[in-house]
Structures are given as structure tokens and as C-alpha cells.
C-alpha atoms as a PDB file:
ATOM      1  CA  SER A   1     -76.069 -67.221  -2.809  1.00  0.00           C
ATOM      2  CA  ILE A   2     -74.120 -63.721  -4.890  1.00  0.00           C
ATOM      3  CA  VAL A   3     -74.909 -60.213  -4.262  1.00  0.00           C
ATOM      4  CA  ILE A   4     -73.937 -58.134  -7.195  1.00  0.00           C
ATOM      5  CA  THR A   5     -74.020 -54.064  -6.728  1.00  0.00           C
ATOM      6  CA  SER A   6     -73.125 -51.347  -9.514  1.00  0.00           C
ATOM      7  CA  ASN A   7     -73.931 -48.095 -10.104  1.00  0.00           C
ATOM      8  CA  ARG A   8     -73.899 -48.779 -14.104  1.00  0.00           C
ATOM      9  CA  ILE A   9     -77.122 -49.523 -15.865  1.00  0.00           C
ATOM     10  CA  VAL A  10     -77.419 -52.711 -17.377  1.00  0.00           C
ATOM     11  CA  GLN A  11     -77.869 -51.376 -21.030  1.00  0.00           C
ATOM     12  CA  ASP A  12     -74.297 -49.865 -20.761  1.00  0.00           C
ATOM     13  CA  TRP A  13     -71.984 -52.931 -19.104  1.00  0.00           C
ATOM     14  CA  GLY A  14     -70.736 -54.148 -22.990  1.00  0.00           C
ATOM     15  CA  ARG A  15     -69.028 -50.544 -23.202  1.00  0.00           C
ATOM     16  CA  TYR A  16     -67.706 -50.835 -19.841  1.00  0.00           C
ATOM     17  CA  LEU A  17     -66.297 -54.542 -20.297  1.00  0.00           C
ATOM     18  CA  GLY A  18     -65.160 -53.942 -23.912  1.00  0.00           C
ATOM     19  CA  ASP A  19     -67.464 -56.528 -25.284  1.00  0.00           C
ATOM     20  CA  ALA A  20     -70.635 -56.406 -25.922  1.00  0.00           C
ATOM     21  CA  THR A  21     -71.429 -59.783 -26.644  1.00  0.00           C
ATOM     22  CA  MET A  22     -69.310 -61.062 -23.190  1.00  0.00           C
ATOM     23  CA  ALA A  23     -71.563 -58.639 -21.374  1.00  0.00           C
ATOM     24  CA  THR A  24     -74.645 -59.870 -22.690  1.00  0.00           C
ATOM     25  CA  THR A  25     -73.808 -63.357 -21.677  1.00  0.00           C
ATOM     26  CA  ILE A  26     -72.582 -62.792 -18.216  1.00  0.00           C
ATOM     27  CA  LEU A  27     -75.780 -60.704 -17.422  1.00  0.00           C
ATOM     28  CA  ASP A  28     -77.807 -63.173 -18.938  1.00  0.00           C
ATOM     29  CA  ARG A  29     -76.189 -66.110 -16.577  1.00  0.00           C
ATOM     30  CA  LEU A  30     -76.604 -63.498 -13.756  1.00  0.00           C
ATOM     31  CA  MET A  31     -80.091 -62.716 -14.273  1.00  0.00           C
ATOM     32  CA  HIS A  32     -81.533 -65.819 -14.836  1.00  0.00           C
ATOM     33  CA  ARG A  33     -83.123 -66.380 -11.846  1.00  0.00           C
ATOM     34  CA  CYS A  34     -82.328 -63.057  -9.489  1.00  0.00           C
ATOM     35  CA  ALA A  35     -84.329 -60.632  -7.670  1.00  0.00           C
ATOM     36  CA  MET A  36     -83.240 -57.175  -9.050  1.00  0.00           C
ATOM     37  CA  LEU A  37     -83.200 -54.179  -7.100  1.00  0.00           C
ATOM     38  CA  GLU A  38     -82.926 -50.799  -8.318  1.00  0.00           C
ATOM     39  CA  PHE A  39     -83.045 -47.590  -6.317  1.00  0.00           C
ATOM     40  CA  GLU A  40     -83.460 -44.435  -7.225  1.00  0.00           C
ATOM     41  CA  GLY A  41     -82.533 -40.772  -5.358  1.00  0.00           C
ATOM     42  CA  LYS A  42     -79.506 -39.139  -4.255  1.00  0.00           C
ATOM     43  CA  SER A  43     -76.433 -41.165  -3.061  1.00  0.00           C
ATOM     44  CA  TYR A  44     -75.757 -40.838   0.469  1.00  0.00           C
ATOM     45  CA  ARG A  45     -71.955 -41.454  -0.416  1.00  0.00           C
ATOM     46  CA  LEU A  46     -71.534 -38.563  -2.370  1.00  0.00           C
ATOM     47  CA  LYS A  47     -74.017 -36.454   0.095  1.00  0.00           C
ATOM     48  CA  GLU A  48     -70.782 -37.345   2.793  1.00  0.00           C
ATOM     49  CA  ALA A  49     -68.379 -36.950   0.410  1.00  0.00           C
ATOM     50  CA  SER A  50     -69.690 -33.381  -0.793  1.00  0.00           C
ATOM     51  CA  ALA A  51     -70.428 -32.633   3.252  1.00  0.00           C
ATOM     52  CA  ARG A  52     -66.598 -33.457   3.811  1.00  0.00           C
ATOM     53  CA  LEU A  53     -65.093 -31.355   0.968  1.00  0.00           C
ATOM     54  CA  LEU A  54     -67.210 -28.601   2.632  1.00  0.00           C
ATOM     55  CA  ILE A  55     -65.578 -29.139   6.069  1.00  0.00           C
ATOM     56  CA  THR A  56     -62.053 -29.022   4.629  1.00  0.00           C
ATOM     57  CA  SER A  57     -62.230 -26.443   2.240  1.00  0.00           C
ATOM     58  CA  ASP A  58     -63.712 -24.278   4.928  1.00  0.00           C
ATOM     59  CA  PRO A  59     -61.467 -21.278   5.691  1.00  0.00           C
ATOM     60  CA  THR A  60     -62.144 -20.564   9.001  1.00  0.00           C
END
């Protein structure tokens, strides 16, 4: 089993990998028999990072 996570949408992988044909080939192989989960909403990681910035920048 393979688990792959990304915060990039599938349509943009060609731009990030630098080759649209290669990205299409890779995604075709990975997604042939996959269960794709998409989550929407606010990121917990960004929420926690924002909280840390507020704590470290608090002058009191």
C-alpha cells in the first residue's frame, strides 16, 4: 500500500513537476485503482503556526 499526500491540486502537478506529460503519466499510474480522499476546510497546521506566531510576537 502507498499513501501519498499533497496540498496541491491534481491539475497543477504538471507545473510543479516541470513536465505535464510526466505528471500525467505518474498520476495515471497512481490513480488507476486508488481511493482518493479530498478534505476541505481550514488547515490545522496553519492554525497552529498562526497561534505560535502570536505567542512569540506578543511583547508582554
